[in-house]
Amino acid sequence: MTVHVLKTEAIQNAVENLMQSSIHRMFPGYLCLQQQAGIYGQNDDLPFPYDDFFTRHFQVSGGTKPYLVPFAPSEDPTDEHLWVGQNISGTYAPSSLRADSPFTKVVEVQESGHNSRWKLQSTHWDLARHHLCGGQQVPVESLAAFLYRDYGFEIEDPSAITLLKAFTEDFGYSISGKKFTTLYETGDTNIGSNSFENHD
């Protein structure tokens, strides 16, 4: 079966859409913990492998720093501020988090230290929408297009649904479930089969 990858133009459009949204710069940390909750089938006593998560989903070559986080801070939405350095622990380590951080209103540190353990708050999807997304839904097709920009999809007729299936499976969502429908907006792109190309 043919392997398809997203075209550069589709990825660029997705990044522009994400930059215009209200997504907080710490939303990737929440995504990482949601992924761990899906893996372990629980919302507490979760590991937080943020370094591996950023390397997998946000590392982009050719930038001023290793990681591209396409969520523009409202106070300075310049390209320079979309790039993040290697010291991810400087953002997400328990000792680095401020008490008034929007992130700590969504998640809780259960055990600090090198092997810290974390908990997603009750109704964390509502809290994430309020505190990390400005009360708005995340354009999930754009998010998935960015996260899976380097992925090959072995499917005959790829579409936005292909991206959504990959995202929901990877992050432990049901596409019709309350967690997903509260936090994410679908139909935010016009991605179709012509948005993909064959991968040689």
N, C-alpha and C. Protein backbone atom coordinates (compact mmCIF):
# COMPACT_ATOMS: atom_id res chain seq x y z
N MET A 1 0.84 -1.19 0.00
CA MET A 1 0.00 0.00 0.00
C MET A 1 0.88 1.25 0.00
N THR A 2 0.44 2.29 -0.66
CA THR A 2 1.21 3.53 -0.77
C THR A 2 1.29 4.26 0.56
N VAL A 3 2.46 4.81 0.84
CA VAL A 3 2.65 5.63 2.04
C VAL A 3 2.56 7.09 1.64
N HIS A 4 1.73 7.85 2.36
CA HIS A 4 1.52 9.27 2.07
C HIS A 4 2.04 10.13 3.21
N VAL A 5 2.57 11.29 2.85
CA VAL A 5 3.00 12.30 3.83
C VAL A 5 2.33 13.62 3.47
N LEU A 6 2.18 14.47 4.46
CA LEU A 6 1.58 15.78 4.21
C LEU A 6 2.50 16.64 3.36
N LYS A 7 1.92 17.43 2.49
CA LYS A 7 2.68 18.39 1.70
C LYS A 7 3.08 19.57 2.59
N THR A 8 4.18 20.21 2.20
CA THR A 8 4.69 21.34 2.96
C THR A 8 3.65 22.44 3.11
N GLU A 9 2.90 22.72 2.07
CA GLU A 9 1.91 23.78 2.12
C GLU A 9 0.84 23.51 3.18
N ALA A 10 0.41 22.26 3.29
CA ALA A 10 -0.60 21.90 4.28
C ALA A 10 -0.06 22.10 5.70
N ILE A 11 1.20 21.76 5.89
CA ILE A 11 1.84 21.95 7.21
C ILE A 11 1.97 23.42 7.54
N GLN A 12 2.39 24.21 6.56
CA GLN A 12 2.52 25.65 6.78
C GLN A 12 1.19 26.28 7.13
N ASN A 13 0.13 25.88 6.44
CA ASN A 13 -1.20 26.41 6.73
C ASN A 13 -1.65 26.03 8.15
N ALA A 14 -1.30 24.81 8.56
CA ALA A 14 -1.65 24.36 9.90
C ALA A 14 -0.92 25.20 10.96
N VAL A 15 0.35 25.45 10.74
CA VAL A 15 1.14 26.25 11.68
C VAL A 15 0.56 27.67 11.79
N GLU A 16 0.21 28.26 10.68
CA GLU A 16 -0.37 29.61 10.70
C GLU A 16 -1.69 29.62 11.47
N ASN A 17 -2.48 28.58 11.29
CA ASN A 17 -3.74 28.47 12.01
C ASN A 17 -3.52 28.35 13.51
N LEU A 18 -2.55 27.56 13.90
CA LEU A 18 -2.24 27.40 15.32
C LEU A 18 -1.72 28.70 15.93
N MET A 19 -0.91 29.43 15.19
CA MET A 19 -0.37 30.68 15.69
C MET A 19 -1.45 31.72 15.94
N GLN A 20 -2.55 31.63 15.23
CA GLN A 20 -3.64 32.59 15.38
C GLN A 20 -4.64 32.17 16.45
N SER A 21 -4.41 31.02 17.05
CA SER A 21 -5.32 30.52 18.08
C SER A 21 -4.88 31.04 19.45
N SER A 22 -5.63 30.64 20.48
CA SER A 22 -5.37 31.13 21.84
C SER A 22 -4.66 30.08 22.69
N ILE A 23 -3.88 29.24 22.07
CA ILE A 23 -3.25 28.13 22.80
C ILE A 23 -2.03 28.63 23.58
N HIS A 24 -1.97 28.27 24.85
CA HIS A 24 -0.88 28.67 25.73
C HIS A 24 0.40 27.91 25.39
N ARG A 25 1.51 28.52 25.66
CA ARG A 25 2.81 27.91 25.35
C ARG A 25 3.07 26.63 26.15
N MET A 26 2.34 26.42 27.24
CA MET A 26 2.53 25.22 28.05
C MET A 26 1.54 24.11 27.71
N PHE A 27 0.74 24.32 26.69
CA PHE A 27 -0.21 23.29 26.27
C PHE A 27 0.50 21.97 25.90
N PRO A 28 1.70 22.00 25.29
CA PRO A 28 2.37 20.72 24.99
C PRO A 28 2.57 19.85 26.22
N GLY A 29 2.84 20.47 27.38
CA GLY A 29 3.00 19.68 28.60
C GLY A 29 1.72 18.96 28.97
N TYR A 30 0.60 19.64 28.81
CA TYR A 30 -0.70 19.00 29.06
C TYR A 30 -0.93 17.84 28.09
N LEU A 31 -0.61 18.06 26.82
CA LEU A 31 -0.76 17.00 25.83
C LEU A 31 0.07 15.77 26.21
N CYS A 32 1.28 16.01 26.67
CA CYS A 32 2.15 14.90 27.07
C CYS A 32 1.52 14.10 28.19
N LEU A 33 0.98 14.78 29.20
CA LEU A 33 0.36 14.07 30.32
C LEU A 33 -0.94 13.38 29.91
N GLN A 34 -1.69 13.99 29.00
CA GLN A 34 -2.88 13.32 28.47
C GLN A 34 -2.49 12.03 27.75
N GLN A 35 -1.39 12.07 27.02
CA GLN A 35 -0.91 10.88 26.33
C GLN A 35 -0.53 9.80 27.34
N GLN A 36 0.13 10.19 28.42
CA GLN A 36 0.50 9.22 29.45
C GLN A 36 -0.74 8.64 30.13
N ALA A 37 -1.75 9.47 30.34
CA ALA A 37 -3.00 8.97 30.93
C ALA A 37 -3.64 7.92 30.04
N GLY A 38 -3.58 8.13 28.72
CA GLY A 38 -4.11 7.15 27.79
C GLY A 38 -3.31 5.85 27.81
N ILE A 39 -2.01 5.97 27.93
CA ILE A 39 -1.14 4.79 27.95
C ILE A 39 -1.39 3.95 29.21
N TYR A 40 -1.48 4.63 30.37
CA TYR A 40 -1.58 3.93 31.64
C TYR A 40 -3.01 3.69 32.09
N GLY A 41 -3.98 4.31 31.42
CA GLY A 41 -5.37 4.12 31.79
C GLY A 41 -5.74 4.72 33.13
N GLN A 42 -5.08 5.81 33.50
CA GLN A 42 -5.35 6.47 34.78
C GLN A 42 -4.95 7.93 34.67
N ASN A 43 -5.45 8.75 35.59
CA ASN A 43 -5.17 10.18 35.57
C ASN A 43 -4.19 10.62 36.65
N ASP A 44 -3.73 9.68 37.47
CA ASP A 44 -2.78 10.04 38.52
C ASP A 44 -1.56 9.12 38.47
N ASP A 45 -0.55 9.49 39.25
CA ASP A 45 0.70 8.73 39.31
C ASP A 45 1.29 8.56 37.91
N LEU A 46 1.29 9.67 37.15
CA LEU A 46 1.76 9.64 35.77
C LEU A 46 3.20 10.12 35.66
N PRO A 47 4.01 9.46 34.84
CA PRO A 47 5.33 10.01 34.50
C PRO A 47 5.15 11.19 33.56
N PHE A 48 6.18 12.01 33.42
CA PHE A 48 6.10 13.19 32.57
C PHE A 48 7.36 13.25 31.70
N PRO A 49 7.42 12.44 30.63
CA PRO A 49 8.62 12.38 29.79
C PRO A 49 8.67 13.53 28.78
N TYR A 50 8.75 14.76 29.27
CA TYR A 50 8.64 15.92 28.39
C TYR A 50 9.78 16.02 27.38
N ASP A 51 10.98 15.59 27.76
CA ASP A 51 12.09 15.65 26.80
C ASP A 51 11.83 14.76 25.59
N ASP A 52 11.43 13.53 25.83
CA ASP A 52 11.12 12.61 24.74
C ASP A 52 9.94 13.12 23.92
N PHE A 53 8.96 13.68 24.59
CA PHE A 53 7.76 14.17 23.91
C PHE A 53 8.11 15.33 22.97
N PHE A 54 8.91 16.25 23.45
CA PHE A 54 9.30 17.38 22.60
C PHE A 54 10.17 16.92 21.43
N THR A 55 11.06 15.98 21.69
CA THR A 55 11.91 15.47 20.60
C THR A 55 11.05 14.81 19.53
N ARG A 56 10.04 14.09 19.93
CA ARG A 56 9.19 13.37 18.97
C ARG A 56 8.30 14.32 18.17
N HIS A 57 7.71 15.29 18.84
CA HIS A 57 6.65 16.08 18.20
C HIS A 57 7.03 17.52 17.84
N PHE A 58 8.04 18.09 18.49
CA PHE A 58 8.30 19.51 18.29
C PHE A 58 9.70 19.83 17.76
N GLN A 59 10.54 18.82 17.61
CA GLN A 59 11.88 19.08 17.09
C GLN A 59 11.81 19.33 15.58
N VAL A 60 12.39 20.47 15.17
CA VAL A 60 12.40 20.87 13.77
C VAL A 60 13.81 21.35 13.43
N SER A 61 14.37 20.82 12.37
CA SER A 61 15.72 21.22 11.98
C SER A 61 15.69 22.57 11.27
N GLY A 62 16.80 23.27 11.35
CA GLY A 62 16.93 24.52 10.61
C GLY A 62 16.50 25.75 11.36
N GLY A 63 16.08 25.59 12.62
CA GLY A 63 15.64 26.75 13.39
C GLY A 63 16.74 27.31 14.27
N THR A 64 16.44 28.39 14.96
CA THR A 64 17.42 29.01 15.85
C THR A 64 17.61 28.18 17.12
N LYS A 65 16.60 27.37 17.47
CA LYS A 65 16.65 26.46 18.61
C LYS A 65 16.03 25.14 18.16
N PRO A 66 16.18 24.08 18.95
CA PRO A 66 15.76 22.76 18.44
C PRO A 66 14.26 22.55 18.30
N TYR A 67 13.44 23.24 19.10
CA TYR A 67 12.02 22.94 19.12
C TYR A 67 11.17 24.12 18.63
N LEU A 68 10.20 23.80 17.79
CA LEU A 68 9.25 24.79 17.32
C LEU A 68 7.91 24.55 18.00
N VAL A 69 7.43 25.54 18.74
CA VAL A 69 6.13 25.47 19.41
C VAL A 69 5.25 26.54 18.76
N PRO A 70 4.36 26.14 17.86
CA PRO A 70 3.64 27.12 17.04
C PRO A 70 2.43 27.75 17.73
N PHE A 71 2.60 28.07 19.01
CA PHE A 71 1.55 28.74 19.77
C PHE A 71 2.11 30.10 20.16
N ALA A 72 1.73 31.13 19.46
CA ALA A 72 2.35 32.44 19.61
C ALA A 72 1.88 33.13 20.88
N PRO A 73 2.81 33.56 21.74
CA PRO A 73 2.41 34.34 22.92
C PRO A 73 1.84 35.68 22.46
N SER A 74 0.73 36.08 23.05
CA SER A 74 0.04 37.28 22.57
C SER A 74 0.87 38.54 22.70
N GLU A 75 1.79 38.55 23.69
CA GLU A 75 2.55 39.77 23.90
C GLU A 75 3.65 39.95 22.86
N ASP A 76 4.06 38.89 22.20
CA ASP A 76 5.13 39.02 21.20
C ASP A 76 5.06 37.85 20.22
N PRO A 77 4.11 37.88 19.30
CA PRO A 77 3.90 36.75 18.37
C PRO A 77 4.87 36.76 17.19
N THR A 78 6.17 36.84 17.48
CA THR A 78 7.17 36.85 16.42
C THR A 78 7.73 35.45 16.23
N ASP A 79 8.30 35.21 15.05
CA ASP A 79 8.87 33.90 14.75
C ASP A 79 9.92 33.49 15.77
N GLU A 80 10.71 34.45 16.22
CA GLU A 80 11.80 34.15 17.15
C GLU A 80 11.28 33.49 18.43
N HIS A 81 10.10 33.91 18.88
CA HIS A 81 9.57 33.40 20.13
C HIS A 81 8.82 32.08 19.98
N LEU A 82 8.76 31.56 18.75
CA LEU A 82 8.16 30.25 18.55
C LEU A 82 9.15 29.13 18.81
N TRP A 83 10.43 29.46 18.89
CA TRP A 83 11.47 28.46 19.07
C TRP A 83 11.83 28.31 20.54
N VAL A 84 12.04 27.05 20.96
CA VAL A 84 12.31 26.72 22.35
C VAL A 84 13.62 25.96 22.43
N GLY A 85 14.41 26.28 23.46
CA GLY A 85 15.70 25.63 23.63
C GLY A 85 15.59 24.23 24.22
N GLN A 86 16.74 23.61 24.43
CA GLN A 86 16.79 22.22 24.88
C GLN A 86 16.38 22.04 26.33
N ASN A 87 16.45 23.10 27.12
CA ASN A 87 16.19 22.97 28.56
C ASN A 87 14.70 22.98 28.85
N ILE A 88 14.01 21.92 28.44
CA ILE A 88 12.57 21.81 28.67
C ILE A 88 12.26 21.73 30.16
N SER A 89 13.18 21.15 30.93
CA SER A 89 12.95 21.05 32.38
C SER A 89 12.87 22.42 33.02
N GLY A 90 13.47 23.42 32.39
CA GLY A 90 13.37 24.78 32.90
C GLY A 90 11.96 25.32 32.85
N THR A 91 11.12 24.69 32.06
CA THR A 91 9.71 25.08 31.96
C THR A 91 8.81 24.17 32.78
N TYR A 92 9.07 22.86 32.74
CA TYR A 92 8.11 21.91 33.29
C TYR A 92 8.54 21.21 34.58
N ALA A 93 9.78 21.34 35.00
CA ALA A 93 10.17 20.71 36.26
C ALA A 93 9.38 21.32 37.41
N PRO A 94 8.97 20.51 38.39
CA PRO A 94 8.17 21.04 39.50
C PRO A 94 8.81 22.26 40.16
N SER A 95 10.12 22.25 40.27
CA SER A 95 10.82 23.38 40.92
C SER A 95 10.77 24.65 40.08
N SER A 96 10.43 24.53 38.80
CA SER A 96 10.39 25.68 37.91
C SER A 96 9.01 26.30 37.79
N LEU A 97 7.99 25.58 38.22
CA LEU A 97 6.61 26.03 38.02
C LEU A 97 6.20 27.05 39.08
N ARG A 98 5.61 28.14 38.63
CA ARG A 98 5.06 29.14 39.54
C ARG A 98 3.69 28.68 40.04
N ALA A 99 3.36 29.12 41.23
CA ALA A 99 2.07 28.73 41.81
C ALA A 99 0.89 29.25 41.00
N ASP A 100 1.09 30.38 40.31
CA ASP A 100 0.00 30.97 39.55
C ASP A 100 0.03 30.58 38.07
N SER A 101 0.84 29.59 37.73
CA SER A 101 0.94 29.16 36.34
C SER A 101 -0.38 28.54 35.87
N PRO A 102 -0.84 28.87 34.66
CA PRO A 102 -2.05 28.22 34.14
C PRO A 102 -1.92 26.71 34.09
N PHE A 103 -0.71 26.23 33.90
CA PHE A 103 -0.46 24.79 33.81
C PHE A 103 -0.83 24.09 35.12
N THR A 104 -0.50 24.70 36.24
CA THR A 104 -0.75 24.06 37.54
C THR A 104 -2.23 24.13 37.94
N LYS A 105 -3.04 24.82 37.17
CA LYS A 105 -4.48 24.81 37.40
C LYS A 105 -5.14 23.63 36.69
N VAL A 106 -4.36 22.95 35.85
CA VAL A 106 -4.86 21.81 35.07
C VAL A 106 -4.27 20.49 35.55
N VAL A 107 -3.03 20.55 36.01
CA VAL A 107 -2.33 19.36 36.49
C VAL A 107 -1.79 19.61 37.89
N GLU A 108 -1.41 18.52 38.55
CA GLU A 108 -0.91 18.60 39.92
C GLU A 108 0.32 17.72 40.06
N VAL A 109 1.33 18.25 40.74
CA VAL A 109 2.53 17.46 41.04
C VAL A 109 2.22 16.60 42.27
N GLN A 110 2.33 15.29 42.10
CA GLN A 110 2.10 14.39 43.23
C GLN A 110 3.40 14.03 43.93
N GLU A 111 4.46 13.98 43.16
CA GLU A 111 5.76 13.63 43.72
C GLU A 111 6.81 14.37 42.91
N SER A 112 7.58 15.22 43.56
CA SER A 112 8.59 15.99 42.85
C SER A 112 9.90 15.20 42.79
N GLY A 113 10.91 15.81 42.23
CA GLY A 113 12.19 15.14 42.08
C GLY A 113 12.44 14.71 40.65
N HIS A 114 13.54 14.01 40.44
CA HIS A 114 13.94 13.61 39.09
C HIS A 114 12.90 12.73 38.42
N ASN A 115 12.32 11.81 39.18
CA ASN A 115 11.28 10.92 38.65
C ASN A 115 9.91 11.37 39.16
N SER A 116 9.58 12.61 38.89
CA SER A 116 8.33 13.18 39.42
C SER A 116 7.12 12.44 38.87
N ARG A 117 6.05 12.49 39.65
CA ARG A 117 4.78 11.87 39.25
C ARG A 117 3.71 12.96 39.27
N TRP A 118 2.77 12.84 38.32
CA TRP A 118 1.82 13.91 38.09
C TRP A 118 0.39 13.38 38.03
N LYS A 119 -0.54 14.31 38.21
CA LYS A 119 -1.96 13.98 38.17
C LYS A 119 -2.70 15.01 37.32
N LEU A 120 -3.59 14.53 36.47
CA LEU A 120 -4.50 15.42 35.76
C LEU A 120 -5.68 15.72 36.67
N GLN A 121 -6.02 16.99 36.80
CA GLN A 121 -7.12 17.39 37.67
C GLN A 121 -8.45 16.82 37.15
N SER A 122 -9.42 16.71 38.04
CA SER A 122 -10.76 16.30 37.64
C SER A 122 -11.29 17.28 36.60
N THR A 123 -11.96 16.78 35.58
CA THR A 123 -12.44 17.57 34.43
C THR A 123 -11.32 18.43 33.84
N HIS A 124 -10.16 17.82 33.69
CA HIS A 124 -8.99 18.56 33.19
C HIS A 124 -9.21 19.11 31.79
N TRP A 125 -10.07 18.47 31.00
CA TRP A 125 -10.33 18.98 29.66
C TRP A 125 -11.03 20.34 29.70
N ASP A 126 -11.94 20.51 30.67
CA ASP A 126 -12.58 21.82 30.86
C ASP A 126 -11.56 22.84 31.35
N LEU A 127 -10.74 22.43 32.29
CA LEU A 127 -9.72 23.32 32.85
C LEU A 127 -8.70 23.71 31.79
N ALA A 128 -8.32 22.75 30.94
CA ALA A 128 -7.36 23.04 29.88
C ALA A 128 -7.93 24.06 28.90
N ARG A 129 -9.20 23.88 28.55
CA ARG A 129 -9.82 24.84 27.63
C ARG A 129 -9.84 26.24 28.24
N HIS A 130 -10.15 26.33 29.53
CA HIS A 130 -10.24 27.63 30.18
C HIS A 130 -8.88 28.27 30.41
N HIS A 131 -7.94 27.50 30.98
CA HIS A 131 -6.67 28.07 31.41
C HIS A 131 -5.57 28.04 30.35
N LEU A 132 -5.63 27.07 29.45
CA LEU A 132 -4.55 26.92 28.46
C LEU A 132 -4.97 27.28 27.04
N CYS A 133 -6.26 27.52 26.83
CA CYS A 133 -6.74 27.79 25.47
C CYS A 133 -7.63 29.03 25.38
N GLY A 134 -7.59 29.87 26.41
CA GLY A 134 -8.36 31.10 26.37
C GLY A 134 -9.85 30.89 26.23
N GLY A 135 -10.34 29.75 26.70
CA GLY A 135 -11.76 29.44 26.61
C GLY A 135 -12.20 28.95 25.25
N GLN A 136 -11.24 28.84 24.32
CA GLN A 136 -11.56 28.44 22.96
C GLN A 136 -11.20 26.96 22.74
N GLN A 137 -11.77 26.38 21.68
CA GLN A 137 -11.39 25.03 21.30
C GLN A 137 -10.11 25.05 20.45
N VAL A 138 -9.34 24.00 20.57
CA VAL A 138 -8.11 23.86 19.80
C VAL A 138 -8.44 23.36 18.40
N PRO A 139 -7.92 24.00 17.34
CA PRO A 139 -8.13 23.51 15.98
C PRO A 139 -7.35 22.21 15.77
N VAL A 140 -8.03 21.10 15.97
CA VAL A 140 -7.33 19.83 16.12
C VAL A 140 -6.76 19.29 14.82
N GLU A 141 -7.40 19.57 13.69
CA GLU A 141 -6.81 19.12 12.42
C GLU A 141 -5.47 19.82 12.17
N SER A 142 -5.42 21.10 12.50
CA SER A 142 -4.16 21.84 12.36
C SER A 142 -3.12 21.31 13.33
N LEU A 143 -3.55 21.04 14.57
CA LEU A 143 -2.62 20.50 15.57
C LEU A 143 -2.07 19.15 15.11
N ALA A 144 -2.94 18.28 14.64
CA ALA A 144 -2.50 16.95 14.20
C ALA A 144 -1.59 17.06 12.98
N ALA A 145 -1.90 17.98 12.07
CA ALA A 145 -1.06 18.16 10.89
C ALA A 145 0.36 18.56 11.29
N PHE A 146 0.47 19.40 12.31
CA PHE A 146 1.81 19.78 12.78
C PHE A 146 2.49 18.62 13.50
N LEU A 147 1.79 17.98 14.42
CA LEU A 147 2.40 16.90 15.20
C LEU A 147 2.86 15.74 14.33
N TYR A 148 2.12 15.48 13.23
CA TYR A 148 2.43 14.33 12.37
C TYR A 148 2.98 14.77 11.01
N ARG A 149 3.66 15.90 11.02
CA ARG A 149 4.21 16.47 9.77
C ARG A 149 5.26 15.58 9.15
N ASP A 150 5.93 14.75 9.94
CA ASP A 150 7.00 13.88 9.44
C ASP A 150 6.56 12.42 9.36
N TYR A 151 5.28 12.16 9.49
CA TYR A 151 4.79 10.78 9.53
C TYR A 151 4.29 10.32 8.16
N GLY A 152 4.48 9.05 7.91
CA GLY A 152 3.94 8.44 6.71
C GLY A 152 2.69 7.64 7.05
N PHE A 153 1.64 7.82 6.27
CA PHE A 153 0.38 7.13 6.50
C PHE A 153 0.15 6.11 5.39
N GLU A 154 0.05 4.86 5.79
CA GLU A 154 -0.12 3.78 4.83
C GLU A 154 -1.61 3.60 4.58
N ILE A 155 -2.14 4.37 3.65
CA ILE A 155 -3.56 4.39 3.37
C ILE A 155 -3.77 4.84 1.93
N GLU A 156 -4.79 4.35 1.30
CA GLU A 156 -4.99 4.67 -0.12
C GLU A 156 -5.52 6.08 -0.34
N ASP A 157 -6.41 6.53 0.53
CA ASP A 157 -7.06 7.83 0.31
C ASP A 157 -6.99 8.65 1.60
N PRO A 158 -5.85 9.29 1.88
CA PRO A 158 -5.69 10.04 3.14
C PRO A 158 -6.53 11.31 3.15
N SER A 159 -6.87 11.76 4.34
CA SER A 159 -7.69 12.97 4.51
C SER A 159 -7.45 13.50 5.91
N ALA A 160 -8.22 14.52 6.28
CA ALA A 160 -8.15 15.03 7.65
C ALA A 160 -8.53 13.96 8.66
N ILE A 161 -9.42 13.05 8.27
CA ILE A 161 -9.83 11.95 9.16
C ILE A 161 -8.62 11.07 9.49
N THR A 162 -7.72 10.90 8.55
CA THR A 162 -6.50 10.13 8.80
C THR A 162 -5.72 10.74 9.94
N LEU A 163 -5.59 12.07 9.93
CA LEU A 163 -4.87 12.77 10.99
C LEU A 163 -5.60 12.66 12.32
N LEU A 164 -6.92 12.80 12.29
CA LEU A 164 -7.71 12.73 13.51
C LEU A 164 -7.63 11.35 14.16
N LYS A 165 -7.65 10.31 13.34
CA LYS A 165 -7.54 8.95 13.88
C LYS A 165 -6.17 8.75 14.54
N ALA A 166 -5.13 9.23 13.90
CA ALA A 166 -3.79 9.11 14.48
C ALA A 166 -3.71 9.86 15.81
N PHE A 167 -4.28 11.06 15.84
CA PHE A 167 -4.23 11.89 17.05
C PHE A 167 -5.02 11.26 18.19
N THR A 168 -6.24 10.84 17.94
CA THR A 168 -7.07 10.28 19.01
C THR A 168 -6.49 8.96 19.54
N GLU A 169 -5.92 8.15 18.67
CA GLU A 169 -5.31 6.90 19.11
C GLU A 169 -4.05 7.17 19.93
N ASP A 170 -3.28 8.15 19.50
CA ASP A 170 -2.00 8.46 20.16
C ASP A 170 -2.22 9.09 21.53
N PHE A 171 -3.29 9.88 21.66
CA PHE A 171 -3.49 10.64 22.90
C PHE A 171 -4.66 10.13 23.75
N GLY A 172 -5.18 8.96 23.41
CA GLY A 172 -6.16 8.32 24.28
C GLY A 172 -7.52 8.98 24.31
N TYR A 173 -7.94 9.54 23.16
CA TYR A 173 -9.25 10.17 23.08
C TYR A 173 -10.22 9.28 22.31
N SER A 174 -11.51 9.46 22.62
CA SER A 174 -12.58 8.98 21.75
C SER A 174 -13.08 10.20 21.00
N ILE A 175 -13.18 10.10 19.67
CA ILE A 175 -13.52 11.27 18.87
C ILE A 175 -14.92 11.80 19.17
N SER A 176 -15.77 10.98 19.76
CA SER A 176 -17.11 11.43 20.15
C SER A 176 -17.23 11.65 21.65
N GLY A 177 -16.12 11.48 22.36
CA GLY A 177 -16.16 11.60 23.82
C GLY A 177 -16.15 13.05 24.29
N LYS A 178 -16.55 13.25 25.54
CA LYS A 178 -16.66 14.60 26.10
C LYS A 178 -15.31 15.30 26.18
N LYS A 179 -14.26 14.57 26.54
CA LYS A 179 -12.93 15.18 26.64
C LYS A 179 -12.53 15.79 25.30
N PHE A 180 -12.77 15.05 24.23
CA PHE A 180 -12.36 15.50 22.90
C PHE A 180 -13.26 16.63 22.41
N THR A 181 -14.56 16.45 22.50
CA THR A 181 -15.48 17.43 21.92
C THR A 181 -15.49 18.75 22.69
N THR A 182 -15.14 18.69 23.98
CA THR A 182 -15.04 19.93 24.76
C THR A 182 -13.82 20.74 24.37
N LEU A 183 -12.71 20.06 24.19
CA LEU A 183 -11.43 20.76 24.03
C LEU A 183 -11.05 21.04 22.58
N TYR A 184 -11.58 20.24 21.64
CA TYR A 184 -11.10 20.34 20.26
C TYR A 184 -12.20 20.69 19.26
N GLU A 185 -11.80 21.43 18.26
CA GLU A 185 -12.67 21.80 17.14
C GLU A 185 -12.21 21.06 15.89
N THR A 186 -13.12 20.39 15.22
CA THR A 186 -12.80 19.75 13.95
C THR A 186 -13.28 20.64 12.80
N GLY A 187 -12.88 20.29 11.59
CA GLY A 187 -13.29 21.08 10.42
C GLY A 187 -12.56 22.39 10.29
N ASP A 188 -11.41 22.53 10.93
CA ASP A 188 -10.67 23.78 10.91
C ASP A 188 -9.72 23.89 9.72
N THR A 189 -9.63 22.83 8.90
CA THR A 189 -8.78 22.87 7.71
C THR A 189 -9.58 22.35 6.51
N ASN A 190 -8.99 22.49 5.34
CA ASN A 190 -9.56 21.88 4.13
C ASN A 190 -8.66 20.74 3.65
N ILE A 191 -8.00 20.09 4.60
CA ILE A 191 -7.09 18.99 4.25
C ILE A 191 -7.87 17.84 3.63
N GLY A 192 -7.41 17.40 2.46
CA GLY A 192 -7.99 16.28 1.75
C GLY A 192 -6.89 15.46 1.12
N SER A 193 -7.25 14.57 0.24
CA SER A 193 -6.25 13.69 -0.38
C SER A 193 -5.19 14.48 -1.14
N ASN A 194 -5.58 15.65 -1.68
CA ASN A 194 -4.61 16.46 -2.43
C ASN A 194 -3.64 17.21 -1.52
N SER A 195 -3.82 17.09 -0.20
CA SER A 195 -2.90 17.69 0.76
C SER A 195 -1.74 16.76 1.08
N PHE A 196 -1.79 15.54 0.54
CA PHE A 196 -0.75 14.55 0.78
C PHE A 196 -0.02 14.24 -0.53
N GLU A 197 1.17 13.68 -0.37
CA GLU A 197 1.93 13.23 -1.53
C GLU A 197 2.54 11.88 -1.21
N ASN A 198 2.88 11.13 -2.25
CA ASN A 198 3.50 9.82 -2.06
C ASN A 198 4.88 9.96 -1.44
N HIS A 199 5.19 9.07 -0.55
CA HIS A 199 6.50 9.07 0.09
C HIS A 199 7.37 8.01 -0.58
N ASP A 200 8.43 8.42 -1.21
CA ASP A 200 9.30 7.48 -1.94
C ASP A 200 10.16 6.69 -0.97
